[in-house]
Amino acid sequence: MRGLWQKMEQDRALTPEFRACIERVYGERGRKALEAVDAGQVKRYLDFFVVVGRSSEYIVEGDFCTCSDFLFRGRECWHILAVRIAERTGLYESYDLWYQDTWKV
């Protein structure tokens, strides 16, 4: 998989080949991650990435996510995969502000 991630970053594209490989290797998590990227649910703020999920927004920083799936299982969730894909392809919305500032009322 390491070669796939490197090639994706080099090409800055999410080709059908990459999509098929992600779904084959990661199964349902890979499919959900691809859907999130396609739907524009990955956002990059100055402090970290945020993925819009079904019921909330989840903060992703490196190999950590605030979703309950990650917190309970301690493994890579689909939010982390979505960020990994988005980072390498540039398929994310970028905001020139700190995420914590979006919570100010």
PDB file of N, CA and C in Angstrom:
ATOM      1  N   MET A   1       0.815  -1.199   0.000  1.00  0.00           N
ATOM      2  CA  MET A   1       0.000   0.000   0.000  1.00  0.00           C
ATOM      3  C   MET A   1       0.858   1.262   0.000  1.00  0.00           C
ATOM      4  N   ARG A   2       2.035   1.180   0.596  1.00  0.00           N
ATOM      5  CA  ARG A   2       2.874   2.377   0.658  1.00  0.00           C
ATOM      6  C   ARG A   2       3.124   2.949  -0.736  1.00  0.00           C
ATOM      7  N   GLY A   3       3.388   2.071  -1.696  1.00  0.00           N
ATOM      8  CA  GLY A   3       3.615   2.523  -3.070  1.00  0.00           C
ATOM      9  C   GLY A   3       2.405   3.205  -3.665  1.00  0.00           C
ATOM     10  N   LEU A   4       1.227   2.702  -3.345  1.00  0.00           N
ATOM     11  CA  LEU A   4      -0.011   3.315  -3.835  1.00  0.00           C
ATOM     12  C   LEU A   4      -0.144   4.736  -3.314  1.00  0.00           C
ATOM     13  N   TRP A   5       0.075   4.929  -2.017  1.00  0.00           N
ATOM     14  CA  TRP A   5      -0.051   6.264  -1.431  1.00  0.00           C
ATOM     15  C   TRP A   5       0.973   7.228  -2.034  1.00  0.00           C
ATOM     16  N   GLN A   6       2.187   6.745  -2.249  1.00  0.00           N
ATOM     17  CA  GLN A   6       3.223   7.592  -2.844  1.00  0.00           C
ATOM     18  C   GLN A   6       2.872   7.972  -4.275  1.00  0.00           C
ATOM     19  N   LYS A   7       2.384   7.004  -5.042  1.00  0.00           N
ATOM     20  CA  LYS A   7       2.011   7.278  -6.435  1.00  0.00           C
ATOM     21  C   LYS A   7       0.833   8.242  -6.499  1.00  0.00           C
ATOM     22  N   MET A   8      -0.125   8.070  -5.606  1.00  0.00           N
ATOM     23  CA  MET A   8      -1.281   8.968  -5.571  1.00  0.00           C
ATOM     24  C   MET A   8      -0.824  10.399  -5.283  1.00  0.00           C
ATOM     25  N   GLU A   9       0.113  10.533  -4.358  1.00  0.00           N
ATOM     26  CA  GLU A   9       0.624  11.857  -4.016  1.00  0.00           C
ATOM     27  C   GLU A   9       1.414  12.449  -5.181  1.00  0.00           C
ATOM     28  N   GLN A  10       2.182  11.631  -5.838  1.00  0.00           N
ATOM     29  CA  GLN A  10       2.973  12.085  -6.983  1.00  0.00           C
ATOM     30  C   GLN A  10       2.066  12.540  -8.128  1.00  0.00           C
ATOM     31  N   ASP A  11       1.035  11.763  -8.422  1.00  0.00           N
ATOM     32  CA  ASP A  11       0.136  12.073  -9.544  1.00  0.00           C
ATOM     33  C   ASP A  11      -0.902  13.128  -9.184  1.00  0.00           C
ATOM     34  N   ARG A  12      -1.144  13.322  -7.863  1.00  0.00           N
ATOM     35  CA  ARG A  12      -2.170  14.263  -7.386  1.00  0.00           C
ATOM     36  C   ARG A  12      -3.519  13.990  -8.043  1.00  0.00           C
ATOM     37  N   ALA A  13      -3.837  12.693  -8.178  1.00  0.00           N
ATOM     38  CA  ALA A  13      -5.087  12.297  -8.821  1.00  0.00           C
ATOM     39  C   ALA A  13      -5.639  11.043  -8.165  1.00  0.00           C
ATOM     40  N   LEU A  14      -6.936  10.929  -8.230  1.00  0.00           N
ATOM     41  CA  LEU A  14      -7.625   9.756  -7.697  1.00  0.00           C
ATOM     42  C   LEU A  14      -8.176   8.976  -8.891  1.00  0.00           C
ATOM     43  N   THR A  15      -7.325   8.135  -9.437  1.00  0.00           N
ATOM     44  CA  THR A  15      -7.673   7.392 -10.647  1.00  0.00           C
ATOM     45  C   THR A  15      -8.571   6.199 -10.324  1.00  0.00           C
ATOM     46  N   PRO A  16      -9.240   5.645 -11.330  1.00  0.00           N
ATOM     47  CA  PRO A  16     -10.033   4.433 -11.109  1.00  0.00           C
ATOM     48  C   PRO A  16      -9.192   3.293 -10.519  1.00  0.00           C
ATOM     49  N   GLU A  17      -7.927   3.218 -10.902  1.00  0.00           N
ATOM     50  CA  GLU A  17      -7.026   2.193 -10.358  1.00  0.00           C
ATOM     51  C   GLU A  17      -6.837   2.380  -8.847  1.00  0.00           C
ATOM     52  N   PHE A  18      -6.605   3.620  -8.420  1.00  0.00           N
ATOM     53  CA  PHE A  18      -6.440   3.906  -7.002  1.00  0.00           C
ATOM     54  C   PHE A  18      -7.727   3.604  -6.236  1.00  0.00           C
ATOM     55  N   ARG A  19      -8.859   4.012  -6.815  1.00  0.00           N
ATOM     56  CA  ARG A  19     -10.154   3.764  -6.183  1.00  0.00           C
ATOM     57  C   ARG A  19     -10.375   2.267  -5.953  1.00  0.00           C
ATOM     58  N   ALA A  20     -10.131   1.490  -6.983  1.00  0.00           N
ATOM     59  CA  ALA A  20     -10.334   0.041  -6.884  1.00  0.00           C
ATOM     60  C   ALA A  20      -9.418  -0.571  -5.834  1.00  0.00           C
ATOM     61  N   CYS A  21      -8.195  -0.124  -5.775  1.00  0.00           N
ATOM     62  CA  CYS A  21      -7.235  -0.648  -4.806  1.00  0.00           C
ATOM     63  C   CYS A  21      -7.660  -0.288  -3.380  1.00  0.00           C
ATOM     64  N   ILE A  22      -8.097   0.942  -3.167  1.00  0.00           N
ATOM     65  CA  ILE A  22      -8.533   1.372  -1.839  1.00  0.00           C
ATOM     66  C   ILE A  22      -9.732   0.551  -1.380  1.00  0.00           C
ATOM     67  N   GLU A  23     -10.684   0.343  -2.271  1.00  0.00           N
ATOM     68  CA  GLU A  23     -11.864  -0.450  -1.905  1.00  0.00           C
ATOM     69  C   GLU A  23     -11.497  -1.913  -1.655  1.00  0.00           C
ATOM     70  N   ARG A  24     -10.570  -2.437  -2.432  1.00  0.00           N
ATOM     71  CA  ARG A  24     -10.159  -3.837  -2.268  1.00  0.00           C
ATOM     72  C   ARG A  24      -9.440  -4.041  -0.931  1.00  0.00           C
ATOM     73  N   VAL A  25      -8.543  -3.144  -0.604  1.00  0.00           N
ATOM     74  CA  VAL A  25      -7.737  -3.281   0.608  1.00  0.00           C
ATOM     75  C   VAL A  25      -8.524  -2.903   1.869  1.00  0.00           C
ATOM     76  N   TYR A  26      -9.306  -1.827   1.812  1.00  0.00           N
ATOM     77  CA  TYR A  26      -9.965  -1.307   3.002  1.00  0.00           C
ATOM     78  C   TYR A  26     -11.455  -1.635   3.086  1.00  0.00           C
ATOM     79  N   GLY A  27     -12.021  -2.215   2.061  1.00  0.00           N
ATOM     80  CA  GLY A  27     -13.416  -2.627   2.098  1.00  0.00           C
ATOM     81  C   GLY A  27     -14.373  -1.474   2.319  1.00  0.00           C
ATOM     82  N   GLU A  28     -15.301  -1.667   3.248  1.00  0.00           N
ATOM     83  CA  GLU A  28     -16.340  -0.673   3.542  1.00  0.00           C
ATOM     84  C   GLU A  28     -15.748   0.656   4.001  1.00  0.00           C
ATOM     85  N   ARG A  29     -14.696   0.611   4.803  1.00  0.00           N
ATOM     86  CA  ARG A  29     -14.048   1.857   5.250  1.00  0.00           C
ATOM     87  C   ARG A  29     -13.495   2.626   4.056  1.00  0.00           C
ATOM     88  N   GLY A  30     -12.910   1.913   3.110  1.00  0.00           N
ATOM     89  CA  GLY A  30     -12.381   2.560   1.913  1.00  0.00           C
ATOM     90  C   GLY A  30     -13.478   3.188   1.073  1.00  0.00           C
ATOM     91  N   ARG A  31     -14.596   2.470   0.938  1.00  0.00           N
ATOM     92  CA  ARG A  31     -15.729   2.990   0.157  1.00  0.00           C
ATOM     93  C   ARG A  31     -16.265   4.268   0.799  1.00  0.00           C
ATOM     94  N   LYS A  32     -16.441   4.263   2.116  1.00  0.00           N
ATOM     95  CA  LYS A  32     -16.937   5.450   2.822  1.00  0.00           C
ATOM     96  C   LYS A  32     -15.964   6.621   2.689  1.00  0.00           C
ATOM     97  N   ALA A  33     -14.678   6.333   2.769  1.00  0.00           N
ATOM     98  CA  ALA A  33     -13.667   7.388   2.633  1.00  0.00           C
ATOM     99  C   ALA A  33     -13.732   8.016   1.252  1.00  0.00           C
ATOM    100  N   LEU A  34     -13.839   7.187   0.217  1.00  0.00           N
ATOM    101  CA  LEU A  34     -13.935   7.704  -1.151  1.00  0.00           C
ATOM    102  C   LEU A  34     -15.201   8.541  -1.334  1.00  0.00           C
ATOM    103  N   GLU A  35     -16.302   8.086  -0.763  1.00  0.00           N
ATOM    104  CA  GLU A  35     -17.559   8.844  -0.844  1.00  0.00           C
ATOM    105  C   GLU A  35     -17.416  10.204  -0.172  1.00  0.00           C
ATOM    106  N   ALA A  36     -16.741  10.252   0.968  1.00  0.00           N
ATOM    107  CA  ALA A  36     -16.537  11.521   1.678  1.00  0.00           C
ATOM    108  C   ALA A  36     -15.692  12.481   0.849  1.00  0.00           C
ATOM    109  N   VAL A  37     -14.643  11.973   0.237  1.00  0.00           N
ATOM    110  CA  VAL A  37     -13.788  12.816  -0.615  1.00  0.00           C
ATOM    111  C   VAL A  37     -14.594  13.324  -1.809  1.00  0.00           C
ATOM    112  N   ASP A  38     -15.338  12.437  -2.451  1.00  0.00           N
ATOM    113  CA  ASP A  38     -16.146  12.819  -3.609  1.00  0.00           C
ATOM    114  C   ASP A  38     -17.202  13.863  -3.260  1.00  0.00           C
ATOM    115  N   ALA A  39     -17.754  13.765  -2.046  1.00  0.00           N
ATOM    116  CA  ALA A  39     -18.825  14.674  -1.615  1.00  0.00           C
ATOM    117  C   ALA A  39     -18.301  15.983  -1.028  1.00  0.00           C
ATOM    118  N   GLY A  40     -16.990  16.150  -0.977  1.00  0.00           N
ATOM    119  CA  GLY A  40     -16.416  17.380  -0.438  1.00  0.00           C
ATOM    120  C   GLY A  40     -16.550  17.492   1.073  1.00  0.00           C
ATOM    121  N   GLN A  41     -16.527  16.360   1.761  1.00  0.00           N
ATOM    122  CA  GLN A  41     -16.707  16.346   3.207  1.00  0.00           C
ATOM    123  C   GLN A  41     -15.395  16.453   3.982  1.00  0.00           C
ATOM    124  N   VAL A  42     -14.285  16.626   3.280  1.00  0.00           N
ATOM    125  CA  VAL A  42     -12.985  16.763   3.945  1.00  0.00           C
ATOM    126  C   VAL A  42     -12.582  18.234   3.886  1.00  0.00           C
ATOM    127  N   LYS A  43     -12.298  18.790   5.055  1.00  0.00           N
ATOM    128  CA  LYS A  43     -11.962  20.203   5.162  1.00  0.00           C
ATOM    129  C   LYS A  43     -10.612  20.354   5.850  1.00  0.00           C
ATOM    130  N   ARG A  44      -9.824  21.262   5.338  1.00  0.00           N
ATOM    131  CA  ARG A  44      -8.524  21.518   5.951  1.00  0.00           C
ATOM    132  C   ARG A  44      -8.524  22.914   6.560  1.00  0.00           C
ATOM    133  N   TYR A  45      -8.284  22.954   7.847  1.00  0.00           N
ATOM    134  CA  TYR A  45      -8.156  24.212   8.567  1.00  0.00           C
ATOM    135  C   TYR A  45      -6.680  24.430   8.877  1.00  0.00           C
ATOM    136  N   LEU A  46      -6.350  25.552   9.480  1.00  0.00           N
ATOM    137  CA  LEU A  46      -4.957  25.834   9.809  1.00  0.00           C
ATOM    138  C   LEU A  46      -4.401  24.859  10.836  1.00  0.00           C
ATOM    139  N   ASP A  47      -5.253  24.328  11.711  1.00  0.00           N
ATOM    140  CA  ASP A  47      -4.760  23.458  12.767  1.00  0.00           C
ATOM    141  C   ASP A  47      -4.885  21.972  12.461  1.00  0.00           C
ATOM    142  N   PHE A  48      -5.879  21.548  11.710  1.00  0.00           N
ATOM    143  CA  PHE A  48      -6.010  20.143  11.353  1.00  0.00           C
ATOM    144  C   PHE A  48      -7.126  19.928  10.343  1.00  0.00           C
ATOM    145  N   PHE A  49      -7.313  18.685   9.958  1.00  0.00           N
ATOM    146  CA  PHE A  49      -8.392  18.321   9.043  1.00  0.00           C
ATOM    147  C   PHE A  49      -9.651  17.990   9.825  1.00  0.00           C
ATOM    148  N   VAL A  50     -10.784  18.192   9.178  1.00  0.00           N
ATOM    149  CA  VAL A  50     -12.083  17.840   9.734  1.00  0.00           C
ATOM    150  C   VAL A  50     -12.847  17.083   8.647  1.00  0.00           C
ATOM    151  N   VAL A  51     -13.480  15.986   9.044  1.00  0.00           N
ATOM    152  CA  VAL A  51     -14.300  15.221   8.112  1.00  0.00           C
ATOM    153  C   VAL A  51     -15.736  15.280   8.612  1.00  0.00           C
ATOM    154  N   VAL A  52     -16.633  15.666   7.721  1.00  0.00           N
ATOM    155  CA  VAL A  52     -18.043  15.730   8.056  1.00  0.00           C
ATOM    156  C   VAL A  52     -18.607  14.319   7.953  1.00  0.00           C
ATOM    157  N   GLY A  53     -19.084  13.809   9.086  1.00  0.00           N
ATOM    158  CA  GLY A  53     -19.666  12.475   9.109  1.00  0.00           C
ATOM    159  C   GLY A  53     -21.181  12.547   9.074  1.00  0.00           C
ATOM    160  N   ARG A  54     -21.819  11.434   9.344  1.00  0.00           N
ATOM    161  CA  ARG A  54     -23.283  11.380   9.322  1.00  0.00           C
ATOM    162  C   ARG A  54     -23.909  12.202  10.429  1.00  0.00           C
ATOM    163  N   SER A  55     -23.309  12.197  11.603  1.00  0.00           N
ATOM    164  CA  SER A  55     -23.943  12.871  12.739  1.00  0.00           C
ATOM    165  C   SER A  55     -23.103  13.987  13.345  1.00  0.00           C
ATOM    166  N   SER A  56     -21.869  14.140  12.904  1.00  0.00           N
ATOM    167  CA  SER A  56     -20.998  15.139  13.504  1.00  0.00           C
ATOM    168  C   SER A  56     -19.807  15.415  12.592  1.00  0.00           C
ATOM    169  N   GLU A  57     -18.993  16.357  13.013  1.00  0.00           N
ATOM    170  CA  GLU A  57     -17.710  16.600  12.349  1.00  0.00           C
ATOM    171  C   GLU A  57     -16.627  15.989  13.212  1.00  0.00           C
ATOM    172  N   TYR A  58     -15.649  15.336  12.567  1.00  0.00           N
ATOM    173  CA  TYR A  58     -14.603  14.638  13.304  1.00  0.00           C
ATOM    174  C   TYR A  58     -13.250  15.245  12.982  1.00  0.00           C
ATOM    175  N   ILE A  59     -12.506  15.521  14.024  1.00  0.00           N
ATOM    176  CA  ILE A  59     -11.172  16.080  13.879  1.00  0.00           C
ATOM    177  C   ILE A  59     -10.202  14.933  13.603  1.00  0.00           C
ATOM    178  N   VAL A  60      -9.385  15.122  12.580  1.00  0.00           N
ATOM    179  CA  VAL A  60      -8.364  14.132  12.225  1.00  0.00           C
ATOM    180  C   VAL A  60      -7.022  14.833  12.232  1.00  0.00           C
ATOM    181  N   GLU A  61      -6.117  14.278  13.011  1.00  0.00           N
ATOM    182  CA  GLU A  61      -4.759  14.823  13.070  1.00  0.00           C
ATOM    183  C   GLU A  61      -3.797  13.643  13.033  1.00  0.00           C
ATOM    184  N   GLY A  62      -3.087  13.514  11.933  1.00  0.00           N
ATOM    185  CA  GLY A  62      -2.189  12.378  11.767  1.00  0.00           C
ATOM    186  C   GLY A  62      -2.972  11.083  11.750  1.00  0.00           C
ATOM    187  N   ASP A  63      -2.611  10.163  12.616  1.00  0.00           N
ATOM    188  CA  ASP A  63      -3.302   8.880  12.706  1.00  0.00           C
ATOM    189  C   ASP A  63      -4.273   8.846  13.880  1.00  0.00           C
ATOM    190  N   PHE A  64      -4.859  10.003  14.214  1.00  0.00           N
ATOM    191  CA  PHE A  64      -5.826  10.090  15.306  1.00  0.00           C
ATOM    192  C   PHE A  64      -7.119  10.709  14.793  1.00  0.00           C
ATOM    193  N   CYS A  65      -8.255  10.194  15.267  1.00  0.00           N
ATOM    194  CA  CYS A  65      -9.565  10.736  14.919  1.00  0.00           C
ATOM    195  C   CYS A  65     -10.422  10.779  16.174  1.00  0.00           C
ATOM    196  N   THR A  66     -11.311  11.751  16.234  1.00  0.00           N
ATOM    197  CA  THR A  66     -12.180  11.895  17.397  1.00  0.00           C
ATOM    198  C   THR A  66     -13.460  11.065  17.304  1.00  0.00           C
ATOM    199  N   CYS A  67     -13.635  10.272  16.265  1.00  0.00           N
ATOM    200  CA  CYS A  67     -14.860   9.462  16.143  1.00  0.00           C
ATOM    201  C   CYS A  67     -14.832   8.297  17.134  1.00  0.00           C
ATOM    202  N   SER A  68     -16.012   7.819  17.477  1.00  0.00           N
ATOM    203  CA  SER A  68     -16.098   6.728  18.457  1.00  0.00           C
ATOM    204  C   SER A  68     -15.494   5.433  17.924  1.00  0.00           C
ATOM    205  N   ASP A  69     -15.568   5.205  16.626  1.00  0.00           N
ATOM    206  CA  ASP A  69     -14.970   3.996  16.054  1.00  0.00           C
ATOM    207  C   ASP A  69     -13.476   3.958  16.351  1.00  0.00           C
ATOM    208  N   PHE A  70     -12.795   5.060  16.111  1.00  0.00           N
ATOM    209  CA  PHE A  70     -11.365   5.121  16.388  1.00  0.00           C
ATOM    210  C   PHE A  70     -11.089   5.044  17.890  1.00  0.00           C
ATOM    211  N   LEU A  71     -11.857   5.783  18.675  1.00  0.00           N
ATOM    212  CA  LEU A  71     -11.613   5.828  20.113  1.00  0.00           C
ATOM    213  C   LEU A  71     -11.815   4.471  20.776  1.00  0.00           C
ATOM    214  N   PHE A  72     -12.789   3.698  20.312  1.00  0.00           N
ATOM    215  CA  PHE A  72     -13.044   2.384  20.913  1.00  0.00           C
ATOM    216  C   PHE A  72     -12.128   1.303  20.363  1.00  0.00           C
ATOM    217  N   ARG A  73     -11.895   1.309  19.044  1.00  0.00           N
ATOM    218  CA  ARG A  73     -11.089   0.250  18.443  1.00  0.00           C
ATOM    219  C   ARG A  73      -9.612   0.614  18.367  1.00  0.00           C
ATOM    220  N   GLY A  74      -9.316   1.908  18.350  1.00  0.00           N
ATOM    221  CA  GLY A  74      -7.931   2.335  18.274  1.00  0.00           C
ATOM    222  C   GLY A  74      -7.279   2.037  16.941  1.00  0.00           C
ATOM    223  N   ARG A  75      -8.115   1.883  15.934  1.00  0.00           N
ATOM    224  CA  ARG A  75      -7.587   1.589  14.596  1.00  0.00           C
ATOM    225  C   ARG A  75      -8.045   2.655  13.611  1.00  0.00           C
ATOM    226  N   GLU A  76      -7.443   2.598  12.470  1.00  0.00           N
ATOM    227  CA  GLU A  76      -7.727   3.516  11.382  1.00  0.00           C
ATOM    228  C   GLU A  76      -9.215   3.455  10.985  1.00  0.00           C
ATOM    229  N   CYS A  77      -9.896   4.593  11.047  1.00  0.00           N
ATOM    230  CA  CYS A  77     -11.299   4.691  10.663  1.00  0.00           C
ATOM    231  C   CYS A  77     -11.395   5.273   9.251  1.00  0.00           C
ATOM    232  N   TRP A  78     -12.608   5.346   8.733  1.00  0.00           N
ATOM    233  CA  TRP A  78     -12.767   5.856   7.371  1.00  0.00           C
ATOM    234  C   TRP A  78     -12.482   7.351   7.303  1.00  0.00           C
ATOM    235  N   HIS A  79     -12.591   8.064   8.405  1.00  0.00           N
ATOM    236  CA  HIS A  79     -12.280   9.500   8.411  1.00  0.00           C
ATOM    237  C   HIS A  79     -10.780   9.716   8.163  1.00  0.00           C
ATOM    238  N   ILE A  80      -9.954   8.892   8.809  1.00  0.00           N
ATOM    239  CA  ILE A  80      -8.503   8.975   8.604  1.00  0.00           C
ATOM    240  C   ILE A  80      -8.156   8.632   7.161  1.00  0.00           C
ATOM    241  N   LEU A  81      -8.789   7.604   6.626  1.00  0.00           N
ATOM    242  CA  LEU A  81      -8.544   7.241   5.224  1.00  0.00           C
ATOM    243  C   LEU A  81      -8.956   8.378   4.285  1.00  0.00           C
ATOM    244  N   ALA A  82     -10.086   9.010   4.567  1.00  0.00           N
ATOM    245  CA  ALA A  82     -10.551  10.117   3.725  1.00  0.00           C
ATOM    246  C   ALA A  82      -9.533  11.253   3.721  1.00  0.00           C
ATOM    247  N   VAL A  83      -8.983  11.569   4.886  1.00  0.00           N
ATOM    248  CA  VAL A  83      -7.972  12.628   4.967  1.00  0.00           C
ATOM    249  C   VAL A  83      -6.713  12.215   4.216  1.00  0.00           C
ATOM    250  N   ARG A  84      -6.300  10.978   4.376  1.00  0.00           N
ATOM    251  CA  ARG A  84      -5.111  10.492   3.682  1.00  0.00           C
ATOM    252  C   ARG A  84      -5.274  10.635   2.160  1.00  0.00           C
ATOM    253  N   ILE A  85      -6.444  10.276   1.657  1.00  0.00           N
ATOM    254  CA  ILE A  85      -6.732  10.395   0.226  1.00  0.00           C
ATOM    255  C   ILE A  85      -6.754  11.868  -0.181  1.00  0.00           C
ATOM    256  N   ALA A  86      -7.476  12.679   0.588  1.00  0.00           N
ATOM    257  CA  ALA A  86      -7.619  14.096   0.265  1.00  0.00           C
ATOM    258  C   ALA A  86      -6.277  14.830   0.276  1.00  0.00           C
ATOM    259  N   GLU A  87      -5.439  14.530   1.260  1.00  0.00           N
ATOM    260  CA  GLU A  87      -4.117  15.170   1.338  1.00  0.00           C
ATOM    261  C   GLU A  87      -3.296  14.899   0.088  1.00  0.00           C
ATOM    262  N   ARG A  88      -3.336  13.663  -0.365  1.00  0.00           N
ATOM    263  CA  ARG A  88      -2.485  13.264  -1.485  1.00  0.00           C
ATOM    264  C   ARG A  88      -3.011  13.707  -2.839  1.00  0.00           C
ATOM    265  N   THR A  89      -4.292  13.986  -2.909  1.00  0.00           N
ATOM    266  CA  THR A  89      -4.884  14.376  -4.189  1.00  0.00           C
ATOM    267  C   THR A  89      -5.256  15.852  -4.248  1.00  0.00           C
ATOM    268  N   GLY A  90      -5.270  16.510  -3.091  1.00  0.00           N
ATOM    269  CA  GLY A  90      -5.680  17.911  -3.047  1.00  0.00           C
ATOM    270  C   GLY A  90      -7.190  18.082  -3.102  1.00  0.00           C
ATOM    271  N   LEU A  91      -7.933  16.994  -2.906  1.00  0.00           N
ATOM    272  CA  LEU A  91      -9.397  17.034  -2.983  1.00  0.00           C
ATOM    273  C   LEU A  91     -10.009  17.315  -1.611  1.00  0.00           C
ATOM    274  N   TYR A  92      -9.860  18.559  -1.160  1.00  0.00           N
ATOM    275  CA  TYR A  92     -10.441  18.991   0.110  1.00  0.00           C
ATOM    276  C   TYR A  92     -10.716  20.478   0.034  1.00  0.00           C
ATOM    277  N   GLU A  93     -11.612  20.932   0.896  1.00  0.00           N
ATOM    278  CA  GLU A  93     -11.878  22.358   1.015  1.00  0.00           C
ATOM    279  C   GLU A  93     -10.873  22.927   1.998  1.00  0.00           C
ATOM    280  N   SER A  94     -10.319  24.057   1.656  1.00  0.00           N
ATOM    281  CA  SER A  94      -9.309  24.668   2.515  1.00  0.00           C
ATOM    282  C   SER A  94      -9.858  25.954   3.119  1.00  0.00           C
ATOM    283  N   TYR A  95      -9.659  26.110   4.428  1.00  0.00           N
ATOM    284  CA  TYR A  95     -10.126  27.292   5.155  1.00  0.00           C
ATOM    285  C   TYR A  95      -8.931  27.961   5.814  1.00  0.00           C
ATOM    286  N   ASP A  96      -8.809  29.253   5.618  1.00  0.00           N
ATOM    287  CA  ASP A  96      -7.699  30.002   6.177  1.00  0.00           C
ATOM    288  C   ASP A  96      -8.071  30.527   7.569  1.00  0.00           C
ATOM    289  N   LEU A  97      -8.453  29.597   8.444  1.00  0.00           N
ATOM    290  CA  LEU A  97      -8.781  29.937   9.822  1.00  0.00           C
ATOM    291  C   LEU A  97      -8.594  28.704  10.685  1.00  0.00           C
ATOM    292  N   TRP A  98      -8.536  28.956  11.981  1.00  0.00           N
ATOM    293  CA  TRP A  98      -8.383  27.867  12.938  1.00  0.00           C
ATOM    294  C   TRP A  98      -9.747  27.238  13.155  1.00  0.00           C
ATOM    295  N   TYR A  99      -9.781  25.925  13.231  1.00  0.00           N
ATOM    296  CA  TYR A  99     -11.056  25.229  13.429  1.00  0.00           C
ATOM    297  C   TYR A  99     -11.731  25.666  14.711  1.00  0.00           C
ATOM    298  N   GLN A 100     -10.956  25.886  15.758  1.00  0.00           N
ATOM    299  CA  GLN A 100     -11.544  26.308  17.033  1.00  0.00           C
ATOM    300  C   GLN A 100     -12.275  27.633  16.893  1.00  0.00           C
ATOM    301  N   ASP A 101     -11.867  28.470  15.928  1.00  0.00           N
ATOM    302  CA  ASP A 101     -12.544  29.760  15.720  1.00  0.00           C
ATOM    303  C   ASP A 101     -13.912  29.604  15.095  1.00  0.00           C
ATOM    304  N   THR A 102     -14.185  28.464  14.489  1.00  0.00           N
ATOM    305  CA  THR A 102     -15.504  28.239  13.884  1.00  0.00           C
ATOM    306  C   THR A 102     -16.556  28.010  14.955  1.00  0.00           C
ATOM    307  N   TRP A 103     -16.130  27.724  16.182  1.00  0.00           N
ATOM    308  CA  TRP A 103     -17.069  27.447  17.285  1.00  0.00           C
ATOM    309  C   TRP A 103     -17.463  28.702  18.033  1.00  0.00           C
ATOM    310  N   LYS A 104     -16.811  29.809  17.736  1.00  0.00           N
ATOM    311  CA  LYS A 104     -17.150  31.075  18.438  1.00  0.00           C
ATOM    312  C   LYS A 104     -18.493  31.587  17.923  1.00  0.00           C
ATOM    313  N   VAL A 105     -19.287  32.011  18.848  1.00  0.00           N
ATOM    314  CA  VAL A 105     -20.608  32.527  18.487  1.00  0.00           C
ATOM    315  C   VAL A 105     -20.642  34.023  18.679  1.00  0.00           C
TER     316      VAL A 105
END
